[in-house]
Amino acid sequence: METKLLQLAVNSLSNEVDSLKNQLAELNREFARFKSIHGGNPNPNPTPEQIEKGKTVLLDAKEVMVILGVSFNTLYKLVKQGMIKRIKINQRRVRYPQSSIAEYIENLKYT
């Protein structure tokens, strides 16, 4: 009786290990797809060096805060001062053109 229970437990664990191996293989395939899409960059957020003028890419507030290294309040002040342009998608959703961020960074270099 104990041998059968032990054998059932081992079989169950073996099935679980096989399932986990399959999940790992699927995650590896997804990671490879992600890597090919993002060029191997684990951080898809653009750096200031990667930003080019003339692009129509829209960034959210978190991405802009990371790029500039500022808080939300500072970003809000920059928008109010007209140093960074924003686009209101709807009442709650605001995006920032990547070109506006590039211009702001360019102006910082010369002041």
C-alpha atoms as a PDB file:
ATOM      1  CA  MET A   1       0.000   0.000   0.000  1.00  0.00           C
ATOM      2  CA  GLU A   2       2.760   2.460   0.955  1.00  0.00           C
ATOM      3  CA  THR A   3       4.724   1.521  -2.144  1.00  0.00           C
ATOM      4  CA  LYS A   4       1.755   2.308  -4.382  1.00  0.00           C
ATOM      5  CA  LEU A   5       1.228   5.686  -2.695  1.00  0.00           C
ATOM      6  CA  LEU A   6       4.902   6.490  -3.065  1.00  0.00           C
ATOM      7  CA  GLN A   7       4.822   5.453  -6.722  1.00  0.00           C
ATOM      8  CA  LEU A   8       1.734   7.636  -7.338  1.00  0.00           C
ATOM      9  CA  ALA A   9       3.494  10.596  -5.689  1.00  0.00           C
ATOM     10  CA  VAL A  10       6.600  10.077  -7.811  1.00  0.00           C
ATOM     11  CA  ASN A  11       4.492   9.840 -10.979  1.00  0.00           C
ATOM     12  CA  SER A  12       2.616  12.994 -10.025  1.00  0.00           C
ATOM     13  CA  LEU A  13       5.863  14.859  -9.400  1.00  0.00           C
ATOM     14  CA  SER A  14       7.288  13.572 -12.669  1.00  0.00           C
ATOM     15  CA  ASN A  15       4.236  14.872 -14.540  1.00  0.00           C
ATOM     16  CA  GLU A  16       4.591  18.227 -12.771  1.00  0.00           C
ATOM     17  CA  VAL A  17       8.272  18.442 -13.759  1.00  0.00           C
ATOM     18  CA  ASP A  18       7.380  17.690 -17.380  1.00  0.00           C
ATOM     19  CA  SER A  19       4.724  20.405 -17.287  1.00  0.00           C
ATOM     20  CA  LEU A  20       7.214  22.911 -15.868  1.00  0.00           C
ATOM     21  CA  LYS A  21       9.741  21.994 -18.565  1.00  0.00           C
ATOM     22  CA  ASN A  22       7.111  22.694 -21.228  1.00  0.00           C
ATOM     23  CA  GLN A  23       6.281  26.038 -19.615  1.00  0.00           C
ATOM     24  CA  LEU A  24       9.973  26.944 -19.505  1.00  0.00           C
ATOM     25  CA  ALA A  25      10.369  26.082 -23.175  1.00  0.00           C
ATOM     26  CA  GLU A  26       7.386  28.302 -24.038  1.00  0.00           C
ATOM     27  CA  LEU A  27       8.805  31.185 -21.964  1.00  0.00           C
ATOM     28  CA  ASN A  28      12.139  30.810 -23.741  1.00  0.00           C
ATOM     29  CA  ARG A  29      10.370  31.024 -27.107  1.00  0.00           C
ATOM     30  CA  GLU A  30       8.477  34.148 -25.987  1.00  0.00           C
ATOM     31  CA  PHE A  31      11.697  35.715 -24.738  1.00  0.00           C
ATOM     32  CA  ALA A  32      13.399  35.008 -28.068  1.00  0.00           C
ATOM     33  CA  ARG A  33      10.476  36.708 -29.897  1.00  0.00           C
ATOM     34  CA  PHE A  34      10.667  39.697 -27.527  1.00  0.00           C
ATOM     35  CA  LYS A  35      14.420  39.903 -28.012  1.00  0.00           C
ATOM     36  CA  SER A  36      14.075  39.887 -31.800  1.00  0.00           C
ATOM     37  CA  ILE A  37      11.417  42.625 -31.695  1.00  0.00           C
ATOM     38  CA  HIS A  38      13.318  44.902 -29.303  1.00  0.00           C
ATOM     39  CA  GLY A  39      16.768  44.216 -30.718  1.00  0.00           C
ATOM     40  CA  GLY A  40      18.036  42.400 -27.662  1.00  0.00           C
ATOM     41  CA  ASN A  41      17.463  45.453 -25.460  1.00  0.00           C
ATOM     42  CA  PRO A  42      15.974  44.267 -22.139  1.00  0.00           C
ATOM     43  CA  ASN A  43      14.890  47.853 -21.410  1.00  0.00           C
ATOM     44  CA  PRO A  44      12.584  49.024 -24.220  1.00  0.00           C
ATOM     45  CA  ASN A  45      12.509  52.606 -22.853  1.00  0.00           C
ATOM     46  CA  PRO A  46      14.580  54.857 -25.103  1.00  0.00           C
ATOM     47  CA  THR A  47      17.598  56.698 -23.713  1.00  0.00           C
ATOM     48  CA  PRO A  48      18.203  60.380 -24.540  1.00  0.00           C
ATOM     49  CA  GLU A  49      20.844  59.312 -27.067  1.00  0.00           C
ATOM     50  CA  GLN A  50      18.296  57.132 -28.883  1.00  0.00           C
ATOM     51  CA  ILE A  51      15.765  59.933 -29.287  1.00  0.00           C
ATOM     52  CA  GLU A  52      15.826  61.535 -32.715  1.00  0.00           C
ATOM     53  CA  LYS A  53      14.057  64.685 -33.850  1.00  0.00           C
ATOM     54  CA  GLY A  54      11.206  64.294 -36.295  1.00  0.00           C
ATOM     55  CA  LYS A  55       9.845  61.004 -34.940  1.00  0.00           C
ATOM     56  CA  THR A  56       6.151  60.785 -34.189  1.00  0.00           C
ATOM     57  CA  VAL A  57       6.550  58.333 -31.322  1.00  0.00           C
ATOM     58  CA  LEU A  58       4.392  59.202 -28.331  1.00  0.00           C
ATOM     59  CA  LEU A  59       5.650  58.515 -24.803  1.00  0.00           C
ATOM     60  CA  ASP A  60       3.683  58.319 -21.592  1.00  0.00           C
ATOM     61  CA  ALA A  61       4.583  60.292 -18.458  1.00  0.00           C
ATOM     62  CA  LYS A  62       6.484  57.417 -16.829  1.00  0.00           C
ATOM     63  CA  GLU A  63       8.711  56.977 -19.874  1.00  0.00           C
ATOM     64  CA  VAL A  64       9.434  60.715 -20.015  1.00  0.00           C
ATOM     65  CA  MET A  65      10.203  60.812 -16.293  1.00  0.00           C
ATOM     66  CA  VAL A  66      12.689  57.948 -16.726  1.00  0.00           C
ATOM     67  CA  ILE A  67      14.343  59.563 -19.744  1.00  0.00           C
ATOM     68  CA  LEU A  68      14.702  62.953 -18.080  1.00  0.00           C
ATOM     69  CA  GLY A  69      15.250  61.647 -14.562  1.00  0.00           C
ATOM     70  CA  VAL A  70      12.591  63.936 -13.109  1.00  0.00           C
ATOM     71  CA  SER A  71       9.530  63.535 -10.921  1.00  0.00           C
ATOM     72  CA  PHE A  72       5.947  63.919 -12.086  1.00  0.00           C
ATOM     73  CA  ASN A  73       5.724  67.381 -10.488  1.00  0.00           C
ATOM     74  CA  THR A  74       8.815  68.552 -12.384  1.00  0.00           C
ATOM     75  CA  LEU A  75       7.433  67.164 -15.647  1.00  0.00           C
ATOM     76  CA  TYR A  76       4.153  68.973 -14.972  1.00  0.00           C
ATOM     77  CA  LYS A  77       6.058  72.253 -14.401  1.00  0.00           C
ATOM     78  CA  LEU A  78       8.024  71.800 -17.628  1.00  0.00           C
ATOM     79  CA  VAL A  79       4.754  71.355 -19.536  1.00  0.00           C
ATOM     80  CA  LYS A  80       3.190  74.396 -17.871  1.00  0.00           C
ATOM     81  CA  GLN A  81       6.273  76.482 -18.761  1.00  0.00           C
ATOM     82  CA  GLY A  82       5.937  75.350 -22.385  1.00  0.00           C
ATOM     83  CA  MET A  83       9.319  73.636 -22.442  1.00  0.00           C
ATOM     84  CA  ILE A  84       7.759  70.259 -23.280  1.00  0.00           C
ATOM     85  CA  LYS A  85       4.697  69.775 -25.492  1.00  0.00           C
ATOM     86  CA  ARG A  86       1.973  67.286 -24.703  1.00  0.00           C
ATOM     87  CA  ILE A  87      -0.917  65.742 -26.582  1.00  0.00           C
ATOM     88  CA  LYS A  88      -4.191  65.054 -24.797  1.00  0.00           C
ATOM     89  CA  ILE A  89      -5.593  61.812 -26.177  1.00  0.00           C
ATOM     90  CA  ASN A  90      -8.696  62.108 -24.022  1.00  0.00           C
ATOM     91  CA  GLN A  91      -9.609  63.575 -20.635  1.00  0.00           C
ATOM     92  CA  ARG A  92      -7.308  61.232 -18.713  1.00  0.00           C
ATOM     93  CA  ARG A  93      -4.692  60.142 -21.247  1.00  0.00           C
ATOM     94  CA  VAL A  94      -1.759  62.420 -22.072  1.00  0.00           C
ATOM     95  CA  ARG A  95       1.205  61.579 -24.314  1.00  0.00           C
ATOM     96  CA  TYR A  96       4.422  63.406 -25.041  1.00  0.00           C
ATOM     97  CA  PRO A  97       5.935  63.495 -28.543  1.00  0.00           C
ATOM     98  CA  GLN A  98       9.403  62.023 -28.576  1.00  0.00           C
ATOM     99  CA  SER A  99      10.539  64.965 -30.726  1.00  0.00           C
ATOM    100  CA  SER A 100       9.486  67.400 -27.988  1.00  0.00           C
ATOM    101  CA  ILE A 101      11.603  65.523 -25.450  1.00  0.00           C
ATOM    102  CA  ALA A 102      14.550  65.525 -27.889  1.00  0.00           C
ATOM    103  CA  GLU A 103      14.218  69.298 -28.388  1.00  0.00           C
ATOM    104  CA  TYR A 104      14.126  69.860 -24.638  1.00  0.00           C
ATOM    105  CA  ILE A 105      17.260  67.748 -24.155  1.00  0.00           C
ATOM    106  CA  GLU A 106      18.986  69.556 -27.038  1.00  0.00           C
ATOM    107  CA  ASN A 107      18.181  72.923 -25.460  1.00  0.00           C
ATOM    108  CA  LEU A 108      19.595  71.715 -22.132  1.00  0.00           C
ATOM    109  CA  LYS A 109      22.930  70.985 -23.771  1.00  0.00           C
ATOM    110  CA  TYR A 110      23.422  74.599 -24.822  1.00  0.00           C
ATOM    111  CA  THR A 111      22.201  76.473 -21.737  1.00  0.00           C
END
